[in-house]
Amino acid sequence: MMLQNTSPGESYIRNHPPLHQFKQANKEIITYSEIQKEEAAAAAAAAAEKYIFEIYIYISMEELKLHGIWASPYSRRIQWALNLKGVPYEYIEEDPQNKSKELLRFNPVQKKVPVLVHRGKPILESLIILEYIDQIWKDDGAPLLPKDSYRRSKARFWAHFVDNSITLQVMRTAGEEQEAARDELVEKLRVLEKGLEEDYFSGGSPFLHGEQPGYLDIVIGTRLVDYLAFEEAIGLEIFDPEKHPLLFKWLTKMKELEVVKETTPDHERMVAFFRRLREMALNPSKQ
């Protein structure tokens, strides 16, 4: 018989079953505790991973993305507004000939820019987007729209007038028809200037919105800022400093703004763009 090397305490425990059972149970508890530690560590790691993922999703939802096209005045409206507000965003350039899946998913009806994606949700139409920006980031930068309800309605009226009346028909025509379209556009600009003179320019402020540019400055400015490239592309003069002195003075002030400078494309590039549009309009079979 082989003698076991045991201590007196261990021999005592072996000879007393209840104590022996307690020791065995204690070993199991210790072993179970080790397993618990491993499981707890694994659970903590999984929880941390889930938490990090949730933070990532939250941050992603907070991200602001603008789908636009470099030459689009409507896309630039949103850029001007966000830049004036100091709101950071990601700009995504779209190819009009090969629109992204994201753009088509966010705007399946119109399939056009701009599309502002905020917290994973799309906001469409430039005028609507401008108001959305002003409401969501009301504490960032100066307000875009007037606080007064009547002045706000006036700004909306002139914004719709510009988008519905200042058309590019002069680009899509030639000869006498183009001359007539040019005369009509010049008259629309005269009507616009007269209306703005009564409602805005008489106040003596540098911008239509006041001391700082706002909603109407953005809407009209993005439509007129490329007028030199437009005129060069179609071969006609439209925006005349002598016929539209107030508009011209105001636009000159707008073009000095950093938010305008940093988003205005190169002149020659815009000329080429307008010429291409004109060619496509006059010769649709060549598209």
C-alpha atoms as a PDB file:
ATOM      1  CA  MET A   1       0.000   0.000   0.000  1.00  0.00           C
ATOM      2  CA  MET A   2       1.360   3.268  -1.067  1.00  0.00           C
ATOM      3  CA  LEU A   3       1.306   6.006   1.533  1.00  0.00           C
ATOM      4  CA  GLN A   4      -0.138   9.312   0.318  1.00  0.00           C
ATOM      5  CA  ASN A   5       1.645  12.469   1.220  1.00  0.00           C
ATOM      6  CA  THR A   6      -1.210  14.284   2.928  1.00  0.00           C
ATOM      7  CA  SER A   7      -1.270  16.884   5.644  1.00  0.00           C
ATOM      8  CA  PRO A   8      -2.973  16.236   8.970  1.00  0.00           C
ATOM      9  CA  GLY A   9      -5.649  18.735   8.011  1.00  0.00           C
ATOM     10  CA  GLU A  10      -6.415  16.953   4.771  1.00  0.00           C
ATOM     11  CA  SER A  11      -6.557  13.586   6.575  1.00  0.00           C
ATOM     12  CA  TYR A  12      -9.011  15.050   9.036  1.00  0.00           C
ATOM     13  CA  ILE A  13     -11.201  16.326   6.247  1.00  0.00           C
ATOM     14  CA  ARG A  14     -11.124  12.999   4.441  1.00  0.00           C
ATOM     15  CA  ASN A  15     -12.213  11.229   7.616  1.00  0.00           C
ATOM     16  CA  HIS A  16     -15.140  13.627   8.060  1.00  0.00           C
ATOM     17  CA  PRO A  17     -17.447  13.319   5.016  1.00  0.00           C
ATOM     18  CA  PRO A  18     -19.378  16.588   5.533  1.00  0.00           C
ATOM     19  CA  LEU A  19     -16.142  18.552   5.526  1.00  0.00           C
ATOM     20  CA  HIS A  20     -14.878  16.622   2.524  1.00  0.00           C
ATOM     21  CA  GLN A  21     -18.077  17.363   0.622  1.00  0.00           C
ATOM     22  CA  PHE A  22     -17.759  21.040   1.497  1.00  0.00           C
ATOM     23  CA  LYS A  23     -14.231  21.149   0.110  1.00  0.00           C
ATOM     24  CA  GLN A  24     -15.338  19.462  -3.115  1.00  0.00           C
ATOM     25  CA  ALA A  25     -18.236  21.887  -3.416  1.00  0.00           C
ATOM     26  CA  ASN A  26     -15.881  24.789  -2.787  1.00  0.00           C
ATOM     27  CA  LYS A  27     -13.617  23.561  -5.594  1.00  0.00           C
ATOM     28  CA  GLU A  28     -16.621  23.447  -7.885  1.00  0.00           C
ATOM     29  CA  ILE A  29     -17.570  26.968  -6.828  1.00  0.00           C
ATOM     30  CA  ILE A  30     -14.051  28.193  -7.546  1.00  0.00           C
ATOM     31  CA  THR A  31     -14.094  26.436 -10.918  1.00  0.00           C
ATOM     32  CA  TYR A  32     -17.553  27.858 -11.672  1.00  0.00           C
ATOM     33  CA  SER A  33     -16.316  31.320 -10.704  1.00  0.00           C
ATOM     34  CA  GLU A  34     -13.498  31.021 -13.238  1.00  0.00           C
ATOM     35  CA  ILE A  35     -16.023  30.057 -15.885  1.00  0.00           C
ATOM     36  CA  GLN A  36     -18.176  32.978 -14.820  1.00  0.00           C
ATOM     37  CA  LYS A  37     -15.207  35.299 -15.189  1.00  0.00           C
ATOM     38  CA  GLU A  38     -14.613  34.097 -18.725  1.00  0.00           C
ATOM     39  CA  GLU A  39     -18.290  34.357 -19.566  1.00  0.00           C
ATOM     40  CA  ALA A  40     -18.471  37.785 -17.967  1.00  0.00           C
ATOM     41  CA  ALA A  41     -15.446  38.928 -19.941  1.00  0.00           C
ATOM     42  CA  ALA A  42     -16.966  37.604 -23.157  1.00  0.00           C
ATOM     43  CA  ALA A  43     -20.290  39.233 -22.327  1.00  0.00           C
ATOM     44  CA  ALA A  44     -18.544  42.519 -21.552  1.00  0.00           C
ATOM     45  CA  ALA A  45     -16.666  42.374 -24.840  1.00  0.00           C
ATOM     46  CA  ALA A  46     -19.892  41.662 -26.722  1.00  0.00           C
ATOM     47  CA  ALA A  47     -21.668  44.489 -24.898  1.00  0.00           C
ATOM     48  CA  ALA A  48     -18.804  46.861 -25.651  1.00  0.00           C
ATOM     49  CA  GLU A  49     -18.876  45.870 -29.310  1.00  0.00           C
ATOM     50  CA  LYS A  50     -22.634  46.400 -29.422  1.00  0.00           C
ATOM     51  CA  TYR A  51     -22.275  49.755 -27.668  1.00  0.00           C
ATOM     52  CA  ILE A  52     -19.583  50.881 -30.092  1.00  0.00           C
ATOM     53  CA  PHE A  53     -21.777  49.782 -32.992  1.00  0.00           C
ATOM     54  CA  GLU A  54     -24.735  51.708 -31.573  1.00  0.00           C
ATOM     55  CA  ILE A  55     -22.541  54.783 -31.203  1.00  0.00           C
ATOM     56  CA  TYR A  56     -21.409  54.335 -34.795  1.00  0.00           C
ATOM     57  CA  ILE A  57     -25.014  54.082 -35.957  1.00  0.00           C
ATOM     58  CA  TYR A  58     -25.937  57.159 -33.919  1.00  0.00           C
ATOM     59  CA  ILE A  59     -23.038  59.133 -35.343  1.00  0.00           C
ATOM     60  CA  SER A  60     -23.938  57.935 -38.826  1.00  0.00           C
ATOM     61  CA  MET A  61     -27.503  59.074 -38.286  1.00  0.00           C
ATOM     62  CA  GLU A  62     -26.225  62.461 -37.182  1.00  0.00           C
ATOM     63  CA  GLU A  63     -24.124  62.765 -40.314  1.00  0.00           C
ATOM     64  CA  LEU A  64     -25.289  65.251 -42.898  1.00  0.00           C
ATOM     65  CA  LYS A  65     -24.787  64.443 -46.553  1.00  0.00           C
ATOM     66  CA  LEU A  66     -25.559  66.533 -49.602  1.00  0.00           C
ATOM     67  CA  HIS A  67     -25.947  64.901 -52.993  1.00  0.00           C
ATOM     68  CA  GLY A  68     -25.368  67.531 -55.654  1.00  0.00           C
ATOM     69  CA  ILE A  69     -23.922  68.402 -59.034  1.00  0.00           C
ATOM     70  CA  TRP A  70     -21.140  70.971 -59.278  1.00  0.00           C
ATOM     71  CA  ALA A  71     -22.890  73.152 -61.890  1.00  0.00           C
ATOM     72  CA  SER A  72     -26.351  73.030 -60.328  1.00  0.00           C
ATOM     73  CA  PRO A  73     -27.475  76.350 -58.807  1.00  0.00           C
ATOM     74  CA  TYR A  74     -29.951  74.375 -56.728  1.00  0.00           C
ATOM     75  CA  SER A  75     -27.186  72.272 -55.196  1.00  0.00           C
ATOM     76  CA  ARG A  76     -25.170  75.400 -54.499  1.00  0.00           C
ATOM     77  CA  ARG A  77     -28.108  76.875 -52.628  1.00  0.00           C
ATOM     78  CA  ILE A  78     -27.745  74.176 -50.024  1.00  0.00           C
ATOM     79  CA  GLN A  79     -23.980  74.570 -49.886  1.00  0.00           C
ATOM     80  CA  TRP A  80     -24.313  78.316 -49.320  1.00  0.00           C
ATOM     81  CA  ALA A  81     -26.911  77.832 -46.605  1.00  0.00           C
ATOM     82  CA  LEU A  82     -24.967  75.171 -44.703  1.00  0.00           C
ATOM     83  CA  ASN A  83     -21.732  77.136 -45.011  1.00  0.00           C
ATOM     84  CA  LEU A  84     -23.390  80.330 -43.806  1.00  0.00           C
ATOM     85  CA  LYS A  85     -24.773  78.406 -40.839  1.00  0.00           C
ATOM     86  CA  GLY A  86     -21.415  76.802 -40.163  1.00  0.00           C
ATOM     87  CA  VAL A  87     -22.936  73.322 -40.290  1.00  0.00           C
ATOM     88  CA  PRO A  88     -20.472  70.554 -41.291  1.00  0.00           C
ATOM     89  CA  TYR A  89     -21.603  68.149 -43.994  1.00  0.00           C
ATOM     90  CA  GLU A  90     -20.320  65.670 -46.532  1.00  0.00           C
ATOM     91  CA  TYR A  91     -20.714  66.644 -50.169  1.00  0.00           C
ATOM     92  CA  ILE A  92     -21.306  63.820 -52.646  1.00  0.00           C
ATOM     93  CA  GLU A  93     -20.843  64.743 -56.299  1.00  0.00           C
ATOM     94  CA  GLU A  94     -23.358  63.035 -58.579  1.00  0.00           C
ATOM     95  CA  ASP A  95     -22.879  62.145 -62.217  1.00  0.00           C
ATOM     96  CA  PRO A  96     -26.048  63.218 -64.086  1.00  0.00           C
ATOM     97  CA  GLN A  97     -25.416  60.458 -66.637  1.00  0.00           C
ATOM     98  CA  ASN A  98     -24.834  57.777 -64.016  1.00  0.00           C
ATOM     99  CA  LYS A  99     -26.671  58.671 -60.824  1.00  0.00           C
ATOM    100  CA  SER A 100     -25.750  56.791 -57.684  1.00  0.00           C
ATOM    101  CA  LYS A 101     -27.935  54.106 -56.144  1.00  0.00           C
ATOM    102  CA  GLU A 102     -28.189  56.257 -53.039  1.00  0.00           C
ATOM    103  CA  LEU A 103     -29.580  59.214 -54.989  1.00  0.00           C
ATOM    104  CA  LEU A 104     -32.132  57.038 -56.772  1.00  0.00           C
ATOM    105  CA  ARG A 105     -33.111  55.437 -53.469  1.00  0.00           C
ATOM    106  CA  PHE A 106     -33.463  58.771 -51.675  1.00  0.00           C
ATOM    107  CA  ASN A 107     -35.293  60.510 -54.539  1.00  0.00           C
ATOM    108  CA  PRO A 108     -37.006  57.788 -56.596  1.00  0.00           C
ATOM    109  CA  VAL A 109     -39.704  60.140 -57.898  1.00  0.00           C
ATOM    110  CA  GLN A 110     -37.670  62.991 -59.385  1.00  0.00           C
ATOM    111  CA  LYS A 111     -34.249  61.319 -59.499  1.00  0.00           C
ATOM    112  CA  LYS A 112     -32.538  64.700 -59.249  1.00  0.00           C
ATOM    113  CA  VAL A 113     -30.380  66.831 -56.997  1.00  0.00           C
ATOM    114  CA  PRO A 114     -30.122  68.336 -54.517  1.00  0.00           C
ATOM    115  CA  VAL A 115     -30.883  65.743 -51.885  1.00  0.00           C
ATOM    116  CA  LEU A 116     -29.965  66.486 -48.285  1.00  0.00           C
ATOM    117  CA  VAL A 117     -29.730  63.355 -46.133  1.00  0.00           C
ATOM    118  CA  HIS A 118     -30.018  64.044 -42.411  1.00  0.00           C
ATOM    119  CA  ARG A 119     -30.088  61.197 -39.890  1.00  0.00           C
ATOM    120  CA  GLY A 120     -30.658  58.802 -42.739  1.00  0.00           C
ATOM    121  CA  LYS A 121     -33.711  60.649 -44.039  1.00  0.00           C
ATOM    122  CA  PRO A 122     -33.811  62.560 -47.357  1.00  0.00           C
ATOM    123  CA  ILE A 123     -35.082  66.125 -47.740  1.00  0.00           C
ATOM    124  CA  LEU A 124     -35.879  67.142 -51.313  1.00  0.00           C
ATOM    125  CA  GLU A 125     -36.337  70.340 -53.358  1.00  0.00           C
ATOM    126  CA  SER A 126     -33.937  73.212 -52.747  1.00  0.00           C
ATOM    127  CA  LEU A 127     -36.464  75.713 -51.376  1.00  0.00           C
ATOM    128  CA  ILE A 128     -37.820  73.122 -48.945  1.00  0.00           C
ATOM    129  CA  ILE A 129     -34.307  72.124 -47.926  1.00  0.00           C
ATOM    130  CA  LEU A 130     -33.414  75.755 -47.171  1.00  0.00           C
ATOM    131  CA  GLU A 131     -36.340  76.055 -44.786  1.00  0.00           C
ATOM    132  CA  TYR A 132     -35.453  72.720 -43.196  1.00  0.00           C
ATOM    133  CA  ILE A 133     -31.904  73.910 -42.569  1.00  0.00           C
ATOM    134  CA  ASP A 134     -33.180  77.129 -41.030  1.00  0.00           C
ATOM    135  CA  GLN A 135     -35.502  75.231 -38.685  1.00  0.00           C
ATOM    136  CA  ILE A 136     -33.143  72.446 -37.626  1.00  0.00           C
ATOM    137  CA  TRP A 137     -30.087  74.653 -37.121  1.00  0.00           C
ATOM    138  CA  LYS A 138     -31.933  77.719 -35.900  1.00  0.00           C
ATOM    139  CA  ASP A 139     -29.292  78.381 -33.245  1.00  0.00           C
ATOM    140  CA  ASP A 140     -26.398  78.157 -35.709  1.00  0.00           C
ATOM    141  CA  GLY A 141     -25.474  81.348 -37.502  1.00  0.00           C
ATOM    142  CA  ALA A 142     -27.958  83.992 -38.568  1.00  0.00           C
ATOM    143  CA  PRO A 143     -31.515  82.949 -39.514  1.00  0.00           C
ATOM    144  CA  LEU A 144     -32.128  82.511 -43.232  1.00  0.00           C
ATOM    145  CA  LEU A 145     -35.782  83.523 -43.243  1.00  0.00           C
ATOM    146  CA  PRO A 146     -37.242  86.625 -41.576  1.00  0.00           C
ATOM    147  CA  LYS A 147     -38.984  86.086 -38.249  1.00  0.00           C
ATOM    148  CA  ASP A 148     -41.862  88.324 -39.295  1.00  0.00           C
ATOM    149  CA  SER A 149     -44.567  86.255 -41.009  1.00  0.00           C
ATOM    150  CA  TYR A 150     -45.342  88.861 -43.667  1.00  0.00           C
ATOM    151  CA  ARG A 151     -41.694  89.351 -44.623  1.00  0.00           C
ATOM    152  CA  ARG A 152     -41.267  85.602 -44.670  1.00  0.00           C
ATOM    153  CA  SER A 153     -44.170  85.271 -47.110  1.00  0.00           C
ATOM    154  CA  LYS A 154     -42.613  87.983 -49.294  1.00  0.00           C
ATOM    155  CA  ALA A 155     -39.311  86.124 -49.416  1.00  0.00           C
ATOM    156  CA  ARG A 156     -41.102  82.936 -50.439  1.00  0.00           C
ATOM    157  CA  PHE A 157     -43.056  84.777 -53.132  1.00  0.00           C
ATOM    158  CA  TRP A 158     -39.952  86.197 -54.787  1.00  0.00           C
ATOM    159  CA  ALA A 159     -38.160  82.874 -54.484  1.00  0.00           C
ATOM    160  CA  HIS A 160     -40.962  81.162 -56.395  1.00  0.00           C
ATOM    161  CA  PHE A 161     -41.045  84.019 -58.903  1.00  0.00           C
ATOM    162  CA  VAL A 162     -37.363  83.512 -59.661  1.00  0.00           C
ATOM    163  CA  ASP A 163     -37.639  79.752 -60.041  1.00  0.00           C
ATOM    164  CA  ASN A 164     -40.769  79.917 -62.177  1.00  0.00           C
ATOM    165  CA  SER A 165     -40.034  83.025 -64.274  1.00  0.00           C
ATOM    166  CA  ILE A 166     -36.264  83.254 -64.714  1.00  0.00           C
ATOM    167  CA  THR A 167     -36.104  80.352 -67.158  1.00  0.00           C
ATOM    168  CA  LEU A 168     -33.432  79.170 -69.593  1.00  0.00           C
ATOM    169  CA  GLN A 169     -35.628  79.343 -72.685  1.00  0.00           C
ATOM    170  CA  VAL A 170     -33.098  81.728 -74.218  1.00  0.00           C
ATOM    171  CA  MET A 171     -30.597  78.861 -74.185  1.00  0.00           C
ATOM    172  CA  ARG A 172     -32.920  76.447 -75.955  1.00  0.00           C
ATOM    173  CA  THR A 173     -33.730  78.698 -78.916  1.00  0.00           C
ATOM    174  CA  ALA A 174     -31.977  80.415 -81.826  1.00  0.00           C
ATOM    175  CA  GLY A 175     -32.505  83.354 -84.171  1.00  0.00           C
ATOM    176  CA  GLU A 176     -35.592  85.507 -83.712  1.00  0.00           C
ATOM    177  CA  GLU A 177     -37.031  83.091 -81.189  1.00  0.00           C
ATOM    178  CA  GLN A 178     -33.942  83.473 -79.049  1.00  0.00           C
ATOM    179  CA  GLU A 179     -34.076  87.263 -79.330  1.00  0.00           C
ATOM    180  CA  ALA A 180     -37.675  87.190 -78.130  1.00  0.00           C
ATOM    181  CA  ALA A 181     -36.730  84.874 -75.252  1.00  0.00           C
ATOM    182  CA  ARG A 182     -33.882  87.227 -74.323  1.00  0.00           C
ATOM    183  CA  ASP A 183     -36.210  90.255 -74.277  1.00  0.00           C
ATOM    184  CA  GLU A 184     -38.654  88.358 -72.081  1.00  0.00           C
ATOM    185  CA  LEU A 185     -35.902  87.366 -69.656  1.00  0.00           C
ATOM    186  CA  VAL A 186     -34.594  90.943 -69.465  1.00  0.00           C
ATOM    187  CA  GLU A 187     -38.124  92.110 -68.659  1.00  0.00           C
ATOM    188  CA  LYS A 188     -38.484  89.475 -65.929  1.00  0.00           C
ATOM    189  CA  LEU A 189     -35.259  90.730 -64.380  1.00  0.00           C
ATOM    190  CA  ARG A 190     -36.614  94.279 -64.524  1.00  0.00           C
ATOM    191  CA  VAL A 191     -39.793  93.171 -62.742  1.00  0.00           C
ATOM    192  CA  LEU A 192     -37.693  91.357 -60.159  1.00  0.00           C
ATOM    193  CA  GLU A 193     -35.509  94.404 -59.530  1.00  0.00           C
ATOM    194  CA  LYS A 194     -38.507  96.705 -59.193  1.00  0.00           C
ATOM    195  CA  GLY A 195     -40.164  94.370 -56.707  1.00  0.00           C
ATOM    196  CA  LEU A 196     -36.988  93.958 -54.695  1.00  0.00           C
ATOM    197  CA  GLU A 197     -36.437  97.721 -54.708  1.00  0.00           C
ATOM    198  CA  GLU A 198     -39.797  98.246 -53.046  1.00  0.00           C
ATOM    199  CA  ASP A 199     -39.483  95.386 -50.573  1.00  0.00           C
ATOM    200  CA  TYR A 200     -35.742  95.220 -49.855  1.00  0.00           C
ATOM    201  CA  PHE A 201     -33.296  97.605 -51.530  1.00  0.00           C
ATOM    202  CA  SER A 202     -34.977 100.691 -50.082  1.00  0.00           C
ATOM    203  CA  GLY A 203     -33.785  99.645 -46.612  1.00  0.00           C
ATOM    204  CA  GLY A 204     -30.160 100.407 -47.421  1.00  0.00           C
ATOM    205  CA  SER A 205     -28.827  97.040 -46.209  1.00  0.00           C
ATOM    206  CA  PRO A 206     -26.107  95.309 -48.239  1.00  0.00           C
ATOM    207  CA  PHE A 207     -28.163  92.140 -48.591  1.00  0.00           C
ATOM    208  CA  LEU A 208     -31.822  91.377 -49.191  1.00  0.00           C
ATOM    209  CA  HIS A 209     -32.047  89.742 -45.776  1.00  0.00           C
ATOM    210  CA  GLY A 210     -30.326  92.639 -44.020  1.00  0.00           C
ATOM    211  CA  GLU A 211     -26.783  92.918 -42.741  1.00  0.00           C
ATOM    212  CA  GLN A 212     -26.242  89.216 -43.383  1.00  0.00           C
ATOM    213  CA  PRO A 213     -27.313  87.208 -46.463  1.00  0.00           C
ATOM    214  CA  GLY A 214     -30.351  84.998 -46.054  1.00  0.00           C
ATOM    215  CA  TYR A 215     -32.894  82.871 -47.860  1.00  0.00           C
ATOM    216  CA  LEU A 216     -33.664  85.219 -50.742  1.00  0.00           C
ATOM    217  CA  ASP A 217     -30.021  86.182 -51.225  1.00  0.00           C
ATOM    218  CA  ILE A 218     -29.235  82.495 -51.615  1.00  0.00           C
ATOM    219  CA  VAL A 219     -32.127  81.739 -53.970  1.00  0.00           C
ATOM    220  CA  ILE A 220     -31.530  84.643 -56.355  1.00  0.00           C
ATOM    221  CA  GLY A 221     -27.760  84.677 -55.994  1.00  0.00           C
ATOM    222  CA  THR A 222     -27.328  81.085 -57.124  1.00  0.00           C
ATOM    223  CA  ARG A 223     -29.378  81.822 -60.242  1.00  0.00           C
ATOM    224  CA  LEU A 224     -27.414  84.933 -61.252  1.00  0.00           C
ATOM    225  CA  VAL A 225     -23.856  84.357 -60.064  1.00  0.00           C
ATOM    226  CA  ASP A 226     -22.832  82.597 -63.306  1.00  0.00           C
ATOM    227  CA  TYR A 227     -24.409  85.159 -65.634  1.00  0.00           C
ATOM    228  CA  LEU A 228     -21.130  86.045 -67.396  1.00  0.00           C
ATOM    229  CA  ALA A 229     -20.475  82.419 -68.319  1.00  0.00           C
ATOM    230  CA  PHE A 230     -24.098  82.047 -69.401  1.00  0.00           C
ATOM    231  CA  GLU A 231     -23.963  85.110 -71.648  1.00  0.00           C
ATOM    232  CA  GLU A 232     -20.697  83.988 -73.211  1.00  0.00           C
ATOM    233  CA  ALA A 233     -22.133  80.548 -73.922  1.00  0.00           C
ATOM    234  CA  ILE A 234     -25.267  81.824 -75.679  1.00  0.00           C
ATOM    235  CA  GLY A 235     -23.664  84.868 -77.319  1.00  0.00           C
ATOM    236  CA  LEU A 236     -26.114  87.428 -75.920  1.00  0.00           C
ATOM    237  CA  GLU A 237     -26.030  90.039 -73.181  1.00  0.00           C
ATOM    238  CA  ILE A 238     -28.855  89.732 -70.665  1.00  0.00           C
ATOM    239  CA  PHE A 239     -27.842  91.027 -67.259  1.00  0.00           C
ATOM    240  CA  ASP A 240     -27.030  94.680 -67.937  1.00  0.00           C
ATOM    241  CA  PRO A 241     -25.570  96.833 -65.110  1.00  0.00           C
ATOM    242  CA  GLU A 242     -27.300  99.868 -66.634  1.00  0.00           C
ATOM    243  CA  LYS A 243     -30.703  98.210 -66.925  1.00  0.00           C
ATOM    244  CA  HIS A 244     -30.462  96.380 -63.594  1.00  0.00           C
ATOM    245  CA  PRO A 245     -28.226  98.615 -61.418  1.00  0.00           C
ATOM    246  CA  LEU A 246     -29.612  97.530 -58.050  1.00  0.00           C
ATOM    247  CA  LEU A 247     -29.415  93.835 -58.838  1.00  0.00           C
ATOM    248  CA  PHE A 248     -25.920  94.280 -60.220  1.00  0.00           C
ATOM    249  CA  LYS A 249     -24.700  96.150 -57.129  1.00  0.00           C
ATOM    250  CA  TRP A 250     -26.224  93.542 -54.831  1.00  0.00           C
ATOM    251  CA  LEU A 251     -24.782  90.630 -56.834  1.00  0.00           C
ATOM    252  CA  THR A 252     -21.329  92.215 -56.746  1.00  0.00           C
ATOM    253  CA  LYS A 253     -21.586  92.245 -52.946  1.00  0.00           C
ATOM    254  CA  MET A 254     -22.731  88.622 -52.920  1.00  0.00           C
ATOM    255  CA  LYS A 255     -19.780  87.508 -55.040  1.00  0.00           C
ATOM    256  CA  GLU A 256     -17.405  88.890 -52.414  1.00  0.00           C
ATOM    257  CA  LEU A 257     -18.667  86.396 -49.826  1.00  0.00           C
ATOM    258  CA  GLU A 258     -16.331  83.521 -49.031  1.00  0.00           C
ATOM    259  CA  VAL A 259     -19.185  80.989 -49.161  1.00  0.00           C
ATOM    260  CA  VAL A 260     -19.853  82.115 -52.728  1.00  0.00           C
ATOM    261  CA  LYS A 261     -16.226  82.175 -53.845  1.00  0.00           C
ATOM    262  CA  GLU A 262     -15.467  78.687 -52.577  1.00  0.00           C
ATOM    263  CA  THR A 263     -18.403  77.096 -54.400  1.00  0.00           C
ATOM    264  CA  THR A 264     -18.313  79.030 -57.682  1.00  0.00           C
ATOM    265  CA  PRO A 265     -16.867  76.888 -60.491  1.00  0.00           C
ATOM    266  CA  ASP A 266     -14.179  78.102 -62.859  1.00  0.00           C
ATOM    267  CA  HIS A 267     -15.534  80.503 -65.486  1.00  0.00           C
ATOM    268  CA  GLU A 268     -14.315  78.512 -68.492  1.00  0.00           C
ATOM    269  CA  ARG A 269     -15.720  75.319 -67.049  1.00  0.00           C
ATOM    270  CA  MET A 270     -19.127  76.941 -66.661  1.00  0.00           C
ATOM    271  CA  VAL A 271     -18.991  78.328 -70.207  1.00  0.00           C
ATOM    272  CA  ALA A 272     -18.297  74.831 -71.524  1.00  0.00           C
ATOM    273  CA  PHE A 273     -21.136  73.451 -69.405  1.00  0.00           C
ATOM    274  CA  PHE A 274     -23.663  75.998 -70.697  1.00  0.00           C
ATOM    275  CA  ARG A 275     -22.533  75.456 -74.282  1.00  0.00           C
ATOM    276  CA  ARG A 276     -23.049  71.747 -73.866  1.00  0.00           C
ATOM    277  CA  LEU A 277     -26.556  72.332 -72.493  1.00  0.00           C
ATOM    278  CA  ARG A 278     -27.353  74.617 -75.402  1.00  0.00           C
ATOM    279  CA  GLU A 279     -26.062  72.098 -77.928  1.00  0.00           C
ATOM    280  CA  MET A 280     -28.161  69.354 -76.355  1.00  0.00           C
ATOM    281  CA  ALA A 281     -31.248  71.596 -76.378  1.00  0.00           C
ATOM    282  CA  LEU A 282     -30.820  72.621 -80.020  1.00  0.00           C
ATOM    283  CA  ASN A 283     -29.781  69.166 -81.220  1.00  0.00           C
ATOM    284  CA  PRO A 284     -31.512  66.586 -79.021  1.00  0.00           C
ATOM    285  CA  SER A 285     -30.619  63.783 -81.455  1.00  0.00           C
ATOM    286  CA  LYS A 286     -26.928  64.252 -80.584  1.00  0.00           C
ATOM    287  CA  GLN A 287     -27.428  63.539 -76.892  1.00  0.00           C
END
